[in-house]
N, C-alpha and C. Protein backbone atom coordinates (compact mmCIF):
# COMPACT_ATOMS: atom_id res chain seq x y z
N MET A 1 -12.12 -17.52 10.26
CA MET A 1 -11.21 -16.82 9.36
C MET A 1 -10.84 -15.48 9.99
N SER A 2 -9.56 -15.18 10.04
CA SER A 2 -9.12 -13.90 10.57
C SER A 2 -9.26 -12.82 9.49
N LYS A 3 -9.11 -11.59 9.92
CA LYS A 3 -9.28 -10.46 9.00
C LYS A 3 -8.11 -9.51 9.13
N ALA A 4 -7.64 -8.98 8.01
CA ALA A 4 -6.60 -7.95 7.98
C ALA A 4 -7.22 -6.71 7.35
N THR A 5 -7.17 -5.61 8.08
CA THR A 5 -7.79 -4.37 7.63
C THR A 5 -6.72 -3.37 7.19
N PHE A 6 -6.96 -2.77 6.03
CA PHE A 6 -6.05 -1.77 5.48
C PHE A 6 -6.87 -0.55 5.09
N ILE A 7 -6.26 0.63 5.22
CA ILE A 7 -6.95 1.88 4.89
C ILE A 7 -6.57 2.30 3.47
N TYR A 8 -7.60 2.62 2.69
CA TYR A 8 -7.44 3.09 1.32
C TYR A 8 -7.71 4.59 1.33
N HIS A 9 -6.65 5.38 1.30
CA HIS A 9 -6.74 6.84 1.34
C HIS A 9 -7.00 7.36 -0.07
N GLN A 10 -7.95 8.26 -0.21
CA GLN A 10 -8.26 8.85 -1.51
C GLN A 10 -8.41 10.35 -1.37
N ASP A 11 -7.86 11.08 -2.33
CA ASP A 11 -8.12 12.51 -2.43
C ASP A 11 -8.79 12.73 -3.78
N PRO A 12 -9.07 13.96 -4.19
CA PRO A 12 -9.79 14.16 -5.45
C PRO A 12 -9.08 13.61 -6.69
N GLY A 13 -7.77 13.36 -6.63
CA GLY A 13 -7.06 12.94 -7.82
C GLY A 13 -6.47 11.54 -7.79
N HIS A 14 -6.32 10.94 -6.61
CA HIS A 14 -5.62 9.66 -6.56
C HIS A 14 -5.92 8.92 -5.27
N GLY A 15 -5.38 7.70 -5.16
CA GLY A 15 -5.60 6.91 -3.96
C GLY A 15 -4.40 6.04 -3.65
N TRP A 16 -4.27 5.67 -2.37
CA TRP A 16 -3.15 4.87 -1.89
C TRP A 16 -3.62 3.92 -0.80
N LEU A 17 -3.12 2.71 -0.82
CA LEU A 17 -3.43 1.74 0.22
C LEU A 17 -2.30 1.75 1.24
N GLN A 18 -2.63 1.96 2.50
CA GLN A 18 -1.65 2.04 3.58
C GLN A 18 -1.33 0.63 4.09
N VAL A 19 -0.05 0.24 4.00
CA VAL A 19 0.38 -1.08 4.46
C VAL A 19 1.72 -0.97 5.20
N PRO A 20 1.97 -1.88 6.14
CA PRO A 20 3.27 -1.88 6.80
C PRO A 20 4.37 -2.35 5.83
N ARG A 21 5.50 -1.69 5.87
CA ARG A 21 6.62 -2.04 4.99
C ARG A 21 7.01 -3.51 5.17
N GLN A 22 7.02 -3.98 6.41
CA GLN A 22 7.42 -5.36 6.69
C GLN A 22 6.51 -6.37 6.00
N LEU A 23 5.26 -6.01 5.77
CA LEU A 23 4.35 -6.94 5.08
C LEU A 23 4.77 -7.09 3.62
N LEU A 24 5.23 -6.02 3.01
CA LEU A 24 5.73 -6.12 1.63
C LEU A 24 6.93 -7.06 1.58
N VAL A 25 7.80 -6.95 2.59
CA VAL A 25 8.97 -7.82 2.67
C VAL A 25 8.52 -9.27 2.85
N LYS A 26 7.60 -9.48 3.78
CA LYS A 26 7.09 -10.84 4.06
C LYS A 26 6.48 -11.47 2.80
N LEU A 27 5.75 -10.67 2.03
CA LEU A 27 5.12 -11.17 0.80
C LEU A 27 6.11 -11.30 -0.36
N GLY A 28 7.31 -10.73 -0.20
CA GLY A 28 8.33 -10.81 -1.24
C GLY A 28 8.06 -9.93 -2.44
N ILE A 29 7.38 -8.81 -2.22
CA ILE A 29 7.02 -7.94 -3.35
C ILE A 29 7.63 -6.55 -3.26
N GLU A 30 8.50 -6.32 -2.28
CA GLU A 30 9.04 -4.97 -2.10
C GLU A 30 9.78 -4.48 -3.33
N ASP A 31 10.35 -5.38 -4.11
CA ASP A 31 11.09 -4.97 -5.31
C ASP A 31 10.17 -4.75 -6.51
N LYS A 32 8.88 -5.03 -6.35
CA LYS A 32 7.92 -4.83 -7.43
C LYS A 32 7.16 -3.50 -7.31
N ILE A 33 7.36 -2.81 -6.19
CA ILE A 33 6.65 -1.56 -5.93
C ILE A 33 7.37 -0.41 -6.64
N THR A 34 6.59 0.45 -7.27
CA THR A 34 7.15 1.54 -8.06
C THR A 34 7.40 2.80 -7.23
N VAL A 35 8.08 3.76 -7.82
CA VAL A 35 8.35 5.04 -7.16
C VAL A 35 7.10 5.93 -7.12
N PHE A 36 5.97 5.41 -7.59
CA PHE A 36 4.71 6.16 -7.51
C PHE A 36 4.01 5.92 -6.19
N SER A 37 4.57 5.03 -5.37
CA SER A 37 4.09 4.83 -4.01
C SER A 37 4.97 5.65 -3.07
N TYR A 38 4.53 5.78 -1.82
CA TYR A 38 5.24 6.64 -0.87
C TYR A 38 5.58 5.90 0.41
N LEU A 39 6.63 6.38 1.08
CA LEU A 39 7.11 5.80 2.32
C LEU A 39 7.11 6.86 3.41
N ASN A 40 6.60 6.47 4.58
CA ASN A 40 6.62 7.35 5.75
C ASN A 40 6.99 6.47 6.94
N GLY A 41 8.27 6.45 7.29
CA GLY A 41 8.72 5.59 8.38
C GLY A 41 8.61 4.13 7.98
N THR A 42 7.80 3.38 8.72
CA THR A 42 7.61 1.96 8.43
C THR A 42 6.32 1.68 7.68
N THR A 43 5.69 2.75 7.20
CA THR A 43 4.42 2.63 6.48
C THR A 43 4.60 2.99 5.02
N VAL A 44 4.03 2.16 4.15
CA VAL A 44 4.08 2.42 2.71
C VAL A 44 2.66 2.72 2.24
N TYR A 45 2.54 3.69 1.35
CA TYR A 45 1.26 4.05 0.76
C TYR A 45 1.33 3.64 -0.71
N LEU A 46 0.68 2.52 -1.03
CA LEU A 46 0.75 1.94 -2.36
C LEU A 46 -0.20 2.65 -3.31
N GLU A 47 0.31 3.16 -4.42
CA GLU A 47 -0.54 3.86 -5.38
C GLU A 47 -1.56 2.89 -5.97
N GLU A 48 -2.73 3.43 -6.29
CA GLU A 48 -3.87 2.60 -6.64
C GLU A 48 -3.83 1.98 -8.03
N ASP A 49 -3.08 2.54 -8.97
CA ASP A 49 -3.14 2.07 -10.35
C ASP A 49 -2.40 0.76 -10.60
N CYS A 50 -1.32 0.52 -9.89
CA CYS A 50 -0.51 -0.67 -10.14
C CYS A 50 -0.10 -1.36 -8.84
N ASP A 51 0.53 -0.63 -7.96
CA ASP A 51 1.12 -1.21 -6.76
C ASP A 51 0.08 -1.83 -5.81
N MET A 52 -1.05 -1.19 -5.69
CA MET A 52 -2.11 -1.73 -4.85
C MET A 52 -2.57 -3.10 -5.35
N SER A 53 -2.68 -3.25 -6.65
CA SER A 53 -3.09 -4.53 -7.25
C SER A 53 -2.04 -5.61 -7.02
N ILE A 54 -0.77 -5.25 -7.12
CA ILE A 54 0.31 -6.20 -6.86
C ILE A 54 0.20 -6.72 -5.43
N PHE A 55 -0.03 -5.80 -4.50
CA PHE A 55 -0.16 -6.18 -3.10
C PHE A 55 -1.37 -7.10 -2.88
N ILE A 56 -2.52 -6.71 -3.39
CA ILE A 56 -3.75 -7.49 -3.17
C ILE A 56 -3.59 -8.90 -3.74
N GLU A 57 -3.04 -9.00 -4.92
CA GLU A 57 -2.84 -10.31 -5.56
C GLU A 57 -1.91 -11.18 -4.71
N ALA A 58 -0.80 -10.62 -4.26
CA ALA A 58 0.16 -11.38 -3.44
C ALA A 58 -0.44 -11.74 -2.09
N PHE A 59 -1.17 -10.83 -1.49
CA PHE A 59 -1.78 -11.08 -0.19
C PHE A 59 -2.79 -12.22 -0.28
N LYS A 60 -3.66 -12.17 -1.26
CA LYS A 60 -4.67 -13.22 -1.42
C LYS A 60 -4.04 -14.58 -1.72
N ALA A 61 -2.96 -14.58 -2.50
CA ALA A 61 -2.29 -15.84 -2.85
C ALA A 61 -1.56 -16.44 -1.65
N GLN A 62 -0.94 -15.59 -0.84
CA GLN A 62 -0.12 -16.09 0.25
C GLN A 62 -0.83 -16.16 1.60
N CYS A 63 -1.98 -15.53 1.69
CA CYS A 63 -2.73 -15.51 2.95
C CYS A 63 -4.19 -15.90 2.68
N PRO A 64 -4.42 -17.08 2.12
CA PRO A 64 -5.78 -17.45 1.71
C PRO A 64 -6.78 -17.58 2.86
N ASP A 65 -6.28 -17.76 4.08
CA ASP A 65 -7.17 -17.90 5.23
C ASP A 65 -7.44 -16.58 5.95
N VAL A 66 -6.97 -15.48 5.36
CA VAL A 66 -7.16 -14.16 5.97
C VAL A 66 -8.05 -13.33 5.05
N GLU A 67 -9.13 -12.82 5.62
CA GLU A 67 -10.04 -11.96 4.86
C GLU A 67 -9.41 -10.58 4.71
N LEU A 68 -9.35 -10.08 3.49
CA LEU A 68 -8.81 -8.75 3.21
C LEU A 68 -9.93 -7.73 3.33
N ASP A 69 -9.78 -6.81 4.27
CA ASP A 69 -10.78 -5.78 4.53
C ASP A 69 -10.16 -4.42 4.20
N ILE A 70 -10.73 -3.72 3.23
CA ILE A 70 -10.22 -2.41 2.83
C ILE A 70 -11.24 -1.35 3.19
N VAL A 71 -10.80 -0.40 4.02
CA VAL A 71 -11.66 0.67 4.51
C VAL A 71 -11.27 1.96 3.81
N SER A 72 -12.24 2.65 3.21
CA SER A 72 -11.96 3.89 2.49
C SER A 72 -11.90 5.10 3.42
N ASN A 73 -10.95 5.97 3.12
CA ASN A 73 -10.82 7.25 3.82
C ASN A 73 -10.67 8.31 2.74
N HIS A 74 -11.78 8.97 2.38
CA HIS A 74 -11.77 9.97 1.30
C HIS A 74 -11.74 11.38 1.89
N ILE A 75 -10.82 12.20 1.35
CA ILE A 75 -10.78 13.60 1.74
C ILE A 75 -10.95 14.46 0.49
N ASN A 76 -11.38 15.70 0.66
CA ASN A 76 -11.68 16.58 -0.48
C ASN A 76 -10.57 17.56 -0.82
N VAL A 77 -9.39 17.35 -0.25
CA VAL A 77 -8.22 18.19 -0.57
C VAL A 77 -7.07 17.24 -0.89
N ASP A 78 -5.98 17.77 -1.44
CA ASP A 78 -4.82 16.92 -1.72
C ASP A 78 -4.33 16.26 -0.44
N ALA A 79 -4.11 14.97 -0.49
CA ALA A 79 -3.64 14.21 0.67
C ALA A 79 -2.21 14.57 1.00
N SER A 80 -1.88 14.56 2.29
CA SER A 80 -0.51 14.82 2.72
C SER A 80 0.44 13.73 2.23
N ILE A 81 -0.11 12.60 1.82
CA ILE A 81 0.70 11.50 1.27
C ILE A 81 1.54 12.00 0.10
N ARG A 82 1.00 12.92 -0.67
CA ARG A 82 1.70 13.44 -1.85
C ARG A 82 3.03 14.11 -1.50
N ASN A 83 3.17 14.54 -0.24
CA ASN A 83 4.39 15.23 0.21
C ASN A 83 5.39 14.28 0.87
N MET A 84 5.06 13.01 0.92
CA MET A 84 5.96 12.04 1.54
C MET A 84 7.05 11.62 0.56
N ARG A 85 8.01 10.89 1.09
CA ARG A 85 9.14 10.42 0.28
C ARG A 85 8.68 9.30 -0.65
N PRO A 86 9.04 9.37 -1.93
CA PRO A 86 8.68 8.27 -2.87
C PRO A 86 9.29 6.96 -2.38
N TRP A 87 8.59 5.87 -2.68
CA TRP A 87 9.08 4.55 -2.32
C TRP A 87 10.47 4.33 -2.91
N PRO A 88 11.40 3.88 -2.08
CA PRO A 88 12.79 3.69 -2.55
C PRO A 88 12.97 2.35 -3.28
N ALA A 89 12.46 2.27 -4.46
CA ALA A 89 12.51 1.02 -5.23
C ALA A 89 13.92 0.48 -5.39
N LEU A 90 14.93 1.34 -5.37
CA LEU A 90 16.30 0.89 -5.60
C LEU A 90 17.11 0.75 -4.32
N GLU A 91 16.52 1.06 -3.18
CA GLU A 91 17.28 0.98 -1.93
C GLU A 91 16.59 0.08 -0.91
N ILE A 92 16.09 -1.05 -1.34
CA ILE A 92 15.41 -1.98 -0.46
C ILE A 92 16.36 -2.42 0.66
N ALA A 93 15.87 -2.29 1.88
CA ALA A 93 16.70 -2.68 3.04
C ALA A 93 16.35 -4.06 3.52
């Protein structure tokens, strides 16, 4: 079984799962992601309350032979993710 590793960034107030934008497209969920997630180039940071769960559910359903590995990265100050551009829910390319 292969493994896909994703980083779960957390600061004192919130958390985001870092995933490639193209993977959201491949899974067909890019239109389900809210503006509470962030975009930085080709990387999306999925907010932990809703969008992260949407991703995990779709990933497990569509990639049953791939082990999902989530690695935590906790920092004690506000994450720079908070300053990134909100996910463009209405401008999917």
